[in-house]
Amino acid sequence: MSVTLIPIAEVALRLGIAEKTARNWITRGVFPVPTVKLRRKLLVASTSLDDFLQNLISGESDEATLPQPVAEKRGRGRPRKLRGEVKS
């Protein structure tokens, strides 16, 4: 039996998320479908994706949910001096 592998860009499209989001979830270890790395490409077995989507639609499993986005608050570089400010 041959397994069809789908690139992560197409998987993200099918899940309705951005490709970058999918890659971030894979890095964090919360991506809902197992991935395979073949050479330099991340791939997903079509059967795994179909099973996940079927469980997501039917609501049979609690595991079949998409991760919730995490808001991280980060600084954006050095604070700037305000022009025209006089030091006393």
C-alpha atoms as a PDB file:
ATOM      1  CA  MET A   1       0.000   0.000   0.000  1.00  0.00           C
ATOM      2  CA  SER A   2       1.448   3.366  -0.973  1.00  0.00           C
ATOM      3  CA  VAL A   3       1.096   6.427   1.212  1.00  0.00           C
ATOM      4  CA  THR A   4       0.510   9.820  -0.329  1.00  0.00           C
ATOM      5  CA  LEU A   5       2.504  12.598   1.328  1.00  0.00           C
ATOM      6  CA  ILE A   6       1.218  16.173   1.244  1.00  0.00           C
ATOM      7  CA  PRO A   7       3.416  19.279   1.669  1.00  0.00           C
ATOM      8  CA  ILE A   8       2.822  21.382   4.760  1.00  0.00           C
ATOM      9  CA  ALA A   9       1.619  24.343   2.657  1.00  0.00           C
ATOM     10  CA  GLU A  10      -1.299  22.302   1.314  1.00  0.00           C
ATOM     11  CA  VAL A  11      -2.053  20.861   4.767  1.00  0.00           C
ATOM     12  CA  ALA A  12      -2.255  24.391   6.183  1.00  0.00           C
ATOM     13  CA  LEU A  13      -4.596  25.380   3.364  1.00  0.00           C
ATOM     14  CA  ARG A  14      -6.870  22.421   4.113  1.00  0.00           C
ATOM     15  CA  LEU A  15      -6.879  23.247   7.834  1.00  0.00           C
ATOM     16  CA  GLY A  16      -7.631  26.906   7.120  1.00  0.00           C
ATOM     17  CA  ILE A  17      -4.515  28.278   8.789  1.00  0.00           C
ATOM     18  CA  ALA A  18      -1.452  30.116   7.510  1.00  0.00           C
ATOM     19  CA  GLU A  19       1.581  28.075   6.520  1.00  0.00           C
ATOM     20  CA  LYS A  20       3.726  29.996   9.009  1.00  0.00           C
ATOM     21  CA  THR A  21       1.259  29.137  11.778  1.00  0.00           C
ATOM     22  CA  ALA A  22       1.492  25.454  10.870  1.00  0.00           C
ATOM     23  CA  ARG A  23       5.285  25.604  10.954  1.00  0.00           C
ATOM     24  CA  ASN A  24       5.210  27.394  14.330  1.00  0.00           C
ATOM     25  CA  TRP A  25       2.880  24.720  15.744  1.00  0.00           C
ATOM     26  CA  ILE A  26       5.180  21.979  14.460  1.00  0.00           C
ATOM     27  CA  THR A  27       8.150  23.664  16.150  1.00  0.00           C
ATOM     28  CA  ARG A  28       6.214  24.012  19.423  1.00  0.00           C
ATOM     29  CA  GLY A  29       5.070  20.382  19.172  1.00  0.00           C
ATOM     30  CA  VAL A  30       1.331  21.130  19.138  1.00  0.00           C
ATOM     31  CA  PHE A  31       0.543  20.403  15.485  1.00  0.00           C
ATOM     32  CA  PRO A  32      -2.468  18.045  15.495  1.00  0.00           C
ATOM     33  CA  VAL A  33      -1.236  15.745  12.709  1.00  0.00           C
ATOM     34  CA  PRO A  34       2.037  13.772  12.721  1.00  0.00           C
ATOM     35  CA  THR A  35       4.623  15.102  10.280  1.00  0.00           C
ATOM     36  CA  VAL A  36       7.449  13.450   8.383  1.00  0.00           C
ATOM     37  CA  LYS A  37      10.629  15.185   7.290  1.00  0.00           C
ATOM     38  CA  LEU A  38      11.853  13.957   3.914  1.00  0.00           C
ATOM     39  CA  ARG A  39      15.131  15.604   3.005  1.00  0.00           C
ATOM     40  CA  ARG A  40      14.354  19.266   3.757  1.00  0.00           C
ATOM     41  CA  LYS A  41      10.571  19.156   3.346  1.00  0.00           C
ATOM     42  CA  LEU A  42       7.901  18.683   5.988  1.00  0.00           C
ATOM     43  CA  LEU A  43       5.184  16.327   4.814  1.00  0.00           C
ATOM     44  CA  VAL A  44       1.997  14.818   6.224  1.00  0.00           C
ATOM     45  CA  ALA A  45       0.442  11.470   5.282  1.00  0.00           C
ATOM     46  CA  SER A  46      -2.882  12.056   3.544  1.00  0.00           C
ATOM     47  CA  THR A  47      -4.537   9.299   5.589  1.00  0.00           C
ATOM     48  CA  SER A  48      -3.527  10.998   8.872  1.00  0.00           C
ATOM     49  CA  LEU A  49      -4.893  14.335   7.669  1.00  0.00           C
ATOM     50  CA  ASP A  50      -8.143  12.762   6.446  1.00  0.00           C
ATOM     51  CA  ASP A  51      -8.625  10.957   9.776  1.00  0.00           C
ATOM     52  CA  PHE A  52      -8.001  14.169  11.725  1.00  0.00           C
ATOM     53  CA  LEU A  53     -10.418  16.173   9.570  1.00  0.00           C
ATOM     54  CA  GLN A  54     -13.082  13.464   9.870  1.00  0.00           C
ATOM     55  CA  ASN A  55     -12.752  13.470  13.675  1.00  0.00           C
ATOM     56  CA  LEU A  56     -12.797  17.279  13.695  1.00  0.00           C
ATOM     57  CA  ILE A  57     -16.022  17.380  11.675  1.00  0.00           C
ATOM     58  CA  SER A  58     -17.781  14.627  13.602  1.00  0.00           C
ATOM     59  CA  GLY A  59     -16.543  15.829  17.015  1.00  0.00           C
ATOM     60  CA  GLU A  60     -15.868  12.240  18.140  1.00  0.00           C
ATOM     61  CA  SER A  61     -12.526  12.864  19.793  1.00  0.00           C
ATOM     62  CA  ASP A  62     -11.287  15.554  22.162  1.00  0.00           C
ATOM     63  CA  GLU A  63      -7.863  15.209  20.537  1.00  0.00           C
ATOM     64  CA  ALA A  64      -9.280  16.430  17.229  1.00  0.00           C
ATOM     65  CA  THR A  65      -9.031  20.144  17.953  1.00  0.00           C
ATOM     66  CA  LEU A  66      -6.781  22.838  16.599  1.00  0.00           C
ATOM     67  CA  PRO A  67      -4.424  24.491  19.098  1.00  0.00           C
ATOM     68  CA  GLN A  68      -5.396  27.925  20.333  1.00  0.00           C
ATOM     69  CA  PRO A  69      -3.071  30.774  19.393  1.00  0.00           C
ATOM     70  CA  VAL A  70      -0.757  31.985  22.127  1.00  0.00           C
ATOM     71  CA  ALA A  71      -0.263  35.713  22.464  1.00  0.00           C
ATOM     72  CA  GLU A  72       3.288  36.495  23.440  1.00  0.00           C
ATOM     73  CA  LYS A  73       4.212  39.964  24.538  1.00  0.00           C
ATOM     74  CA  ARG A  74       7.692  40.895  23.421  1.00  0.00           C
ATOM     75  CA  GLY A  75       9.580  44.147  23.350  1.00  0.00           C
ATOM     76  CA  ARG A  76      10.487  45.573  20.005  1.00  0.00           C
ATOM     77  CA  GLY A  77      14.055  46.756  20.435  1.00  0.00           C
ATOM     78  CA  ARG A  78      15.530  49.574  22.449  1.00  0.00           C
ATOM     79  CA  PRO A  79      13.355  52.388  23.736  1.00  0.00           C
ATOM     80  CA  ARG A  80      13.980  55.623  21.857  1.00  0.00           C
ATOM     81  CA  LYS A  81      14.728  59.055  23.219  1.00  0.00           C
ATOM     82  CA  LEU A  82      12.099  61.615  22.543  1.00  0.00           C
ATOM     83  CA  ARG A  83      13.349  64.569  20.532  1.00  0.00           C
ATOM     84  CA  GLY A  84      13.332  67.940  22.193  1.00  0.00           C
ATOM     85  CA  GLU A  85      13.398  66.434  25.668  1.00  0.00           C
ATOM     86  CA  VAL A  86      15.621  68.368  28.042  1.00  0.00           C
ATOM     87  CA  LYS A  87      17.516  66.525  30.752  1.00  0.00           C
ATOM     88  CA  SER A  88      17.690  68.262  34.085  1.00  0.00           C
END
